Every structure is written in C-alpha cells, then in structure tokens.
Amino acid sequence: MRLQSLLSQAILLVSALQHGAAAASWTFTDGTVSVAAKGAGVGGGLKETLAPSKPLTSSVKLGAADTLKVVLTTQEGKLAKRPHQAFLLLQDSHGKLDVSFPFSVKESGKAKVELTHKDLPLQFLRSSTPLSASIIIASFGTSEGYNGKAFPLTIELDPNVPIPAAETPLRYGKLSEIHHVFRPDPKSPNIVITLVFLGAVLATLPALLGAWLYIGGNINHLGKALSDAPISHTLFLGSVVGIEGVFFLYYTIWNLFKTLPILLALGVVAFLSGSRALTEVQERRLAGLR
C-alpha cells in the first residue's frame, strides 16, 4: 500500500511538472529603454523602466544625434534563458510599414539593442506620428512566445539637416536596343613596306647560294637523290614551298583560324619526309659520295 501511495505521488508530481512546463511562456525582466544624446555623458538623457504587457504612456523621443538603447533579460517561465529569436519591432501608425532590430542576447538571457537615425528607413524619418515599438521573444518548444508593445517612439529631426532623398527602386523591364559597333578587321601593311622587306629577303639569296657552293654543295647528286628517295625529297621540298605559300596567304587575305590547321598538316609532312630525306643524304655520305 505504501508503494502504491509513493507511485501515485510521483505520477502526480510528474504531471504537475509537465503541466507547468507546457504552460510556461516567454517574457522578460529588468527592461529599460534609454536615449543618450551625443556628448551627454554618463547619466544624461532619458531612461525609463519597461515591464511586460505594460507599455509606456509617454512617447520616447529620438533626436538626430541620439542613440536609443533597450536592455532586458529574457525568461522562459521563471528561468533566464536565451531564446531562438528576440527583436525590437518598429511599426508606423497604420501598421503598413515595419522594421525589426534583433537583440544581441547572451546565454544568461541578457539582451541589448541599439539604434540611431541611420538605422531607420527614410519612410520612418518622414513620419509625422509616433512609431509603435514592440518586443518580440520566441523560441523552439511548447512555450508560448511574447509579443507586446513597449513604448511609442517619436522621431525628432534636425531642422538644419535635410532628409536624404529616397533612392528610386530598381525596376526590371524592356530596355532600349543596343547597337554594337565592331572593330574593323586588321589590314596588311602598306605595299611599299611589304616590297622593302621582300627586297631585303631576296637580297640574301645570292649570299645563301654562295655559301652553299663554298661548303661543297653538289647538284650532280640530284638525280641519284631523287631516284633513291623520290617521294621523301619531293614531299619535303613541296611542304617547305607550301608553308611559305601559307604564310603569304596569311599575310594577305587569310586569318589565323584558316592558317593554323594547314600549317599543322604541312608541318607534319615536312617532319616525316624531311627525316627520311636526311636519312638518304646520310647514306650517300657514308658511301663516300658528296
């Protein structure tokens, strides 16, 4: 019987704790709102105490050089905790425009938020009626969040400083037609310059022929070379002439995209045929023919 009595008391205690946890809600304590003017020093300006569900009746005035600070301690039930979200919500008198400022909350529940005129939208700076400031606290779990008005806020402007003009919002739509102006194709140098350099190249040919004869060039072996390796010598000489022709076409009318593939093909032919032609020349030299 005594065991049953203890079990019954334990069940009632657990039920009471669960009911109390389910009925817990978020709130705050030690709330204050203060307005500090620039250069006012410690203790200067306005300071009022905030209580849950008891908004201030007098309006808090925020000047152009003032700083508004709201400090409080968030609680879940009777325990100070850090919620998932906590912010100060400002709304105009018609409730059509609002902006939220998140609290900086520590693990102990100590929360603080500060704002100045620079943090407010231009529409709020033009408001002729006080704004409504509310405190909102909520988090995960079954605890009910807190949403209550805290104080009315009046924005006081500096008459010597004009209100900044609102920027025109970006609108996406049809734009005017864009006409591209492309750069003209590059042209070859003047014909006079071309002829000058061509003459300089042709002038070196006699010197090249003389050097070839001086070192022992012998055209009498042309027939034997063509008979031993006719394809190699013909392809090598043709590829060299073809490469020079491609360079001439590139200089006059072709572009780079037409020139590179043909140069690549002719280069492969010149490499393969030239290696075979040089092999034939080496065989004649090893045989004592020069």
Protein backbone atom coordinates (compact mmCIF):
# COMPACT_ATOMS: atom_id res chain seq x y z
CA MET A 1 0.00 0.00 0.00
CA ARG A 2 2.85 2.34 0.85
CA LEU A 3 4.49 1.61 -2.52
CA GLN A 4 1.28 2.39 -4.37
CA SER A 5 0.99 5.67 -2.44
CA LEU A 6 4.55 6.66 -3.43
CA LEU A 7 3.89 5.78 -7.08
CA SER A 8 0.71 7.84 -7.07
CA GLN A 9 2.52 10.84 -5.59
CA ALA A 10 5.33 10.50 -8.18
CA ILE A 11 2.83 10.36 -11.05
CA LEU A 12 1.04 13.44 -9.74
CA LEU A 13 4.38 15.27 -9.39
CA VAL A 14 5.44 14.41 -12.97
CA SER A 15 2.03 15.50 -14.28
CA ALA A 16 2.32 18.78 -12.41
CA LEU A 17 5.80 19.39 -13.79
CA GLN A 18 4.68 18.59 -17.34
CA HIS A 19 1.69 20.86 -16.98
CA GLY A 20 3.88 23.64 -15.61
CA ALA A 21 6.37 23.22 -18.48
CA ALA A 22 3.61 23.26 -21.05
CA ALA A 23 2.10 26.36 -19.50
CA ALA A 24 5.45 28.22 -19.43
CA SER A 25 5.79 31.24 -21.69
CA TRP A 26 8.49 33.66 -22.70
CA THR A 27 8.74 37.05 -21.03
CA PHE A 28 11.40 39.48 -19.84
CA THR A 29 12.56 41.28 -16.71
CA ASP A 30 14.85 44.19 -15.86
CA GLY A 31 13.79 46.00 -19.01
CA THR A 32 14.90 49.59 -19.62
CA VAL A 33 14.81 51.98 -22.54
CA SER A 34 17.24 54.89 -22.64
CA VAL A 35 18.07 57.67 -25.06
CA ALA A 36 21.59 59.05 -24.85
CA ALA A 37 22.48 62.27 -26.64
CA LYS A 38 25.91 62.63 -28.19
CA GLY A 39 28.29 64.16 -25.64
CA ALA A 40 25.73 63.99 -22.79
CA GLY A 41 27.99 61.79 -20.63
CA VAL A 42 27.04 59.07 -18.15
CA GLY A 43 23.53 59.50 -16.75
CA GLY A 44 22.49 62.04 -19.34
CA GLY A 45 19.39 61.66 -21.44
CA LEU A 46 16.16 59.73 -20.88
CA LYS A 47 15.82 56.38 -19.09
CA GLU A 48 12.54 54.53 -18.46
CA THR A 49 11.71 51.11 -16.99
CA LEU A 50 9.94 48.55 -19.17
CA ALA A 51 7.56 45.88 -17.86
CA PRO A 52 5.87 43.04 -19.77
CA SER A 53 2.43 43.93 -21.17
CA LYS A 54 2.67 47.44 -19.71
CA PRO A 55 3.67 49.84 -22.48
CA LEU A 56 4.83 53.33 -21.61
CA THR A 57 2.23 56.04 -22.00
CA SER A 58 4.70 58.82 -22.69
CA SER A 59 6.49 58.89 -26.02
CA VAL A 60 10.22 58.27 -26.21
CA LYS A 61 11.91 60.93 -28.36
CA LEU A 62 14.87 60.04 -30.55
CA GLY A 63 16.85 63.02 -31.82
CA ALA A 64 19.10 63.16 -34.86
CA ALA A 65 22.26 62.73 -32.76
CA ASP A 66 20.74 60.40 -30.13
CA THR A 67 21.16 56.67 -29.56
CA LEU A 68 18.24 54.52 -28.45
CA LYS A 69 19.15 51.54 -26.24
CA VAL A 70 16.83 48.81 -24.98
CA VAL A 71 18.20 46.41 -22.34
CA LEU A 72 16.35 43.45 -20.79
CA THR A 73 16.68 39.85 -19.59
CA THR A 74 14.71 37.19 -21.44
CA GLN A 75 12.99 34.47 -19.41
CA GLU A 76 11.24 31.20 -20.13
CA GLY A 77 8.80 30.90 -17.29
CA LYS A 78 10.85 31.83 -14.21
CA LEU A 79 14.26 30.95 -15.66
CA ALA A 80 16.52 33.35 -17.56
CA LYS A 81 17.33 31.74 -20.93
CA ARG A 82 18.49 32.63 -24.39
CA PRO A 83 15.61 32.41 -26.91
CA HIS A 84 15.82 31.47 -30.55
CA GLN A 85 14.79 34.98 -31.60
CA ALA A 86 14.29 38.29 -29.86
CA PHE A 87 13.93 41.62 -31.59
CA LEU A 88 12.54 45.12 -31.31
CA LEU A 89 9.79 45.76 -33.86
CA LEU A 90 9.01 49.30 -35.05
CA GLN A 91 5.74 49.99 -36.89
CA ASP A 92 4.10 53.10 -38.25
CA SER A 93 0.69 54.20 -37.01
CA HIS A 94 -1.14 52.36 -39.79
CA GLY A 95 0.87 49.14 -39.46
CA LYS A 96 1.69 49.11 -43.14
CA LEU A 97 5.43 49.51 -42.66
CA ASP A 98 7.63 47.81 -40.07
CA VAL A 99 11.28 47.04 -39.45
CA SER A 100 12.84 44.74 -36.86
CA PHE A 101 16.13 45.10 -34.97
CA PRO A 102 17.46 41.87 -33.41
CA PHE A 103 18.64 41.85 -29.81
CA SER A 104 22.16 40.76 -29.01
CA VAL A 105 21.41 38.02 -26.46
CA LYS A 106 23.88 36.19 -24.20
CA GLU A 107 23.45 32.69 -22.77
CA SER A 108 22.36 34.27 -19.49
CA GLY A 109 19.43 35.96 -21.24
CA LYS A 110 20.95 39.46 -21.11
CA ALA A 111 19.80 41.23 -24.27
CA LYS A 112 20.58 44.62 -25.78
CA VAL A 113 19.76 46.51 -28.95
CA GLU A 114 20.85 49.99 -30.07
CA LEU A 115 19.75 52.11 -33.00
CA THR A 116 20.10 55.63 -34.39
CA HIS A 117 18.58 57.64 -37.23
CA LYS A 118 20.98 55.96 -39.65
CA ASP A 119 19.39 52.58 -38.92
CA LEU A 120 15.85 53.73 -39.71
CA PRO A 121 14.21 53.67 -43.13
CA LEU A 122 13.63 57.04 -44.80
CA GLN A 123 9.87 56.50 -44.53
CA PHE A 124 10.15 56.46 -40.73
CA LEU A 125 12.15 59.68 -40.75
CA ARG A 126 9.29 61.35 -42.62
CA SER A 127 6.64 60.01 -40.25
CA SER A 128 4.62 62.75 -38.54
CA THR A 129 3.10 60.40 -35.92
CA PRO A 130 4.88 58.35 -33.24
CA LEU A 131 6.03 54.86 -34.13
CA SER A 132 4.96 51.82 -32.16
CA ALA A 133 7.84 49.86 -30.58
CA SER A 134 7.13 46.23 -29.63
CA ILE A 135 9.26 43.49 -28.08
CA ILE A 136 9.00 40.01 -29.55
CA ILE A 137 10.55 36.91 -27.92
CA ALA A 138 10.08 33.33 -29.11
CA SER A 139 11.92 30.04 -29.34
CA PHE A 140 11.56 26.35 -30.12
CA GLY A 141 9.46 24.16 -27.85
CA THR A 142 5.99 24.39 -26.36
CA SER A 143 6.49 27.66 -24.51
CA GLU A 144 4.34 30.49 -25.80
CA GLY A 145 6.19 33.42 -27.30
CA TYR A 146 5.91 37.02 -26.13
CA ASN A 147 4.69 39.85 -28.36
CA GLY A 148 3.79 43.09 -26.65
CA LYS A 149 4.01 46.80 -27.20
CA ALA A 150 6.73 48.53 -25.21
CA PHE A 151 6.61 52.28 -25.92
CA PRO A 152 5.74 54.87 -28.58
CA LEU A 153 8.73 56.36 -30.38
CA THR A 154 8.83 59.89 -31.79
CA ILE A 155 11.47 60.73 -34.39
CA GLU A 156 12.83 64.25 -33.98
CA LEU A 157 14.72 65.67 -36.95
CA ASP A 158 17.43 68.30 -37.13
CA PRO A 159 15.87 71.30 -38.95
CA ASN A 160 19.30 72.26 -40.31
CA VAL A 161 19.87 68.88 -41.97
CA PRO A 162 17.64 67.95 -44.93
CA ILE A 163 16.16 64.46 -45.11
CA PRO A 164 18.02 62.33 -47.65
CA ALA A 165 16.08 61.71 -50.84
CA ALA A 166 14.75 58.22 -51.32
CA GLU A 167 16.53 56.24 -54.00
CA THR A 168 14.47 55.15 -56.96
CA PRO A 169 13.98 51.39 -56.74
CA LEU A 170 15.37 49.23 -59.50
CA ARG A 171 12.68 48.23 -61.97
CA TYR A 172 13.18 45.39 -64.42
CA GLY A 173 11.71 45.87 -67.84
CA LYS A 174 12.40 46.32 -71.52
CA LEU A 175 15.46 48.42 -72.25
CA SER A 176 16.39 50.33 -75.39
CA GLU A 177 18.02 48.42 -78.23
CA ILE A 178 21.79 48.15 -78.10
CA HIS A 179 23.72 48.61 -81.34
CA HIS A 180 27.16 47.04 -81.27
CA VAL A 181 29.99 48.72 -83.13
CA PHE A 182 32.60 46.15 -84.03
CA ARG A 183 36.22 46.97 -84.64
CA PRO A 184 37.26 46.72 -88.30
CA ASP A 185 39.36 43.76 -89.37
CA PRO A 186 43.14 44.32 -89.24
CA LYS A 187 44.74 45.19 -92.57
CA SER A 188 48.11 44.26 -94.01
CA PRO A 189 50.90 46.86 -94.00
CA ASN A 190 51.34 49.28 -96.85
CA ILE A 191 52.52 47.76 -100.13
CA VAL A 192 55.65 49.91 -100.07
CA ILE A 193 56.73 48.49 -96.71
CA THR A 194 55.97 44.99 -97.98
CA LEU A 195 58.16 45.47 -101.06
CA VAL A 196 61.03 46.85 -98.96
CA PHE A 197 61.13 43.79 -96.74
CA LEU A 198 60.67 41.47 -99.74
CA GLY A 199 63.67 43.05 -101.39
CA ALA A 200 65.71 42.62 -98.22
CA VAL A 201 64.87 38.91 -98.15
CA LEU A 202 65.65 38.41 -101.86
CA ALA A 203 68.97 40.20 -101.43
CA THR A 204 70.14 37.44 -99.09
CA LEU A 205 69.59 34.72 -101.69
CA PRO A 206 72.92 35.33 -103.57
CA ALA A 207 74.77 35.19 -100.27
CA LEU A 208 72.97 31.96 -99.38
CA LEU A 209 73.80 30.42 -102.78
CA GLY A 210 77.45 31.44 -102.49
CA ALA A 211 77.73 29.93 -99.01
CA TRP A 212 76.18 26.70 -100.29
CA LEU A 213 78.71 26.45 -103.13
CA TYR A 214 81.58 27.31 -100.75
CA ILE A 215 80.86 24.49 -98.33
CA GLY A 216 80.72 21.96 -101.14
CA GLY A 217 77.22 21.84 -102.50
CA ASN A 218 76.95 19.41 -105.41
CA ILE A 219 73.88 19.42 -107.66
CA ASN A 220 75.21 16.45 -109.60
CA HIS A 221 73.71 14.14 -106.96
CA LEU A 222 70.21 15.48 -107.55
CA GLY A 223 69.32 12.64 -109.90
CA LYS A 224 70.61 9.94 -107.53
CA ALA A 225 68.82 11.52 -104.56
CA LEU A 226 65.53 11.63 -106.43
CA SER A 227 65.97 8.07 -107.66
CA ASP A 228 66.75 6.67 -104.16
CA ALA A 229 64.03 8.59 -102.27
CA PRO A 230 61.82 10.42 -104.74
CA ILE A 231 58.75 10.69 -102.50
CA SER A 232 60.64 11.98 -99.45
CA HIS A 233 62.58 14.67 -101.30
CA THR A 234 59.54 15.76 -103.31
CA LEU A 235 57.25 15.94 -100.27
CA PHE A 236 59.85 17.78 -98.20
CA LEU A 237 60.50 20.39 -100.88
CA GLY A 238 56.76 20.72 -101.57
CA SER A 239 55.93 21.13 -97.87
CA VAL A 240 58.55 23.89 -97.49
CA VAL A 241 57.14 25.73 -100.51
CA GLY A 242 53.59 25.16 -99.20
CA ILE A 243 54.46 26.62 -95.79
CA GLU A 244 55.87 29.72 -97.44
CA GLY A 245 52.70 30.00 -99.53
CA VAL A 246 50.51 29.71 -96.43
CA PHE A 247 52.48 32.50 -94.77
CA PHE A 248 51.92 34.65 -97.83
CA LEU A 249 48.17 33.97 -97.82
CA TYR A 250 48.00 34.74 -94.09
CA TYR A 251 49.81 37.99 -94.73
CA THR A 252 47.40 38.98 -97.49
CA ILE A 253 43.87 37.56 -97.09
CA TRP A 254 43.67 34.63 -94.61
CA ASN A 255 43.01 34.80 -90.89
CA LEU A 256 44.59 32.81 -88.09
CA PHE A 257 41.80 30.19 -87.93
CA LYS A 258 42.39 29.22 -91.60
CA THR A 259 46.17 29.32 -91.31
CA LEU A 260 46.84 27.16 -88.25
CA PRO A 261 45.22 23.86 -89.41
CA ILE A 262 47.02 23.96 -92.78
CA LEU A 263 50.33 24.87 -91.15
CA LEU A 264 49.91 21.95 -88.75
CA ALA A 265 49.32 19.49 -91.61
CA LEU A 266 52.25 20.80 -93.66
CA GLY A 267 54.49 20.74 -90.59
CA VAL A 268 53.76 17.03 -90.03
CA VAL A 269 54.50 16.28 -93.70
CA ALA A 270 57.75 18.26 -93.58
CA PHE A 271 58.88 16.47 -90.40
CA LEU A 272 58.22 12.95 -91.69
CA SER A 273 59.51 13.48 -95.23
CA GLY A 274 62.47 15.57 -94.07
CA SER A 275 63.66 12.87 -91.67
CA ARG A 276 63.54 10.28 -94.49
CA ALA A 277 65.31 12.66 -96.92
CA LEU A 278 68.10 13.30 -94.39
CA THR A 279 68.49 9.56 -93.94
CA GLU A 280 69.08 9.21 -97.67
CA VAL A 281 71.67 12.02 -97.63
CA GLN A 282 73.47 10.35 -94.71
CA GLU A 283 73.60 7.04 -96.57
CA ARG A 284 75.30 8.73 -99.56
CA ARG A 285 77.84 10.41 -97.33
CA LEU A 286 78.63 7.14 -95.55
CA ALA A 287 79.16 5.64 -99.01
CA GLY A 288 81.74 8.32 -99.77
CA LEU A 289 79.54 10.30 -102.17
CA ARG A 290 79.37 14.04 -101.74
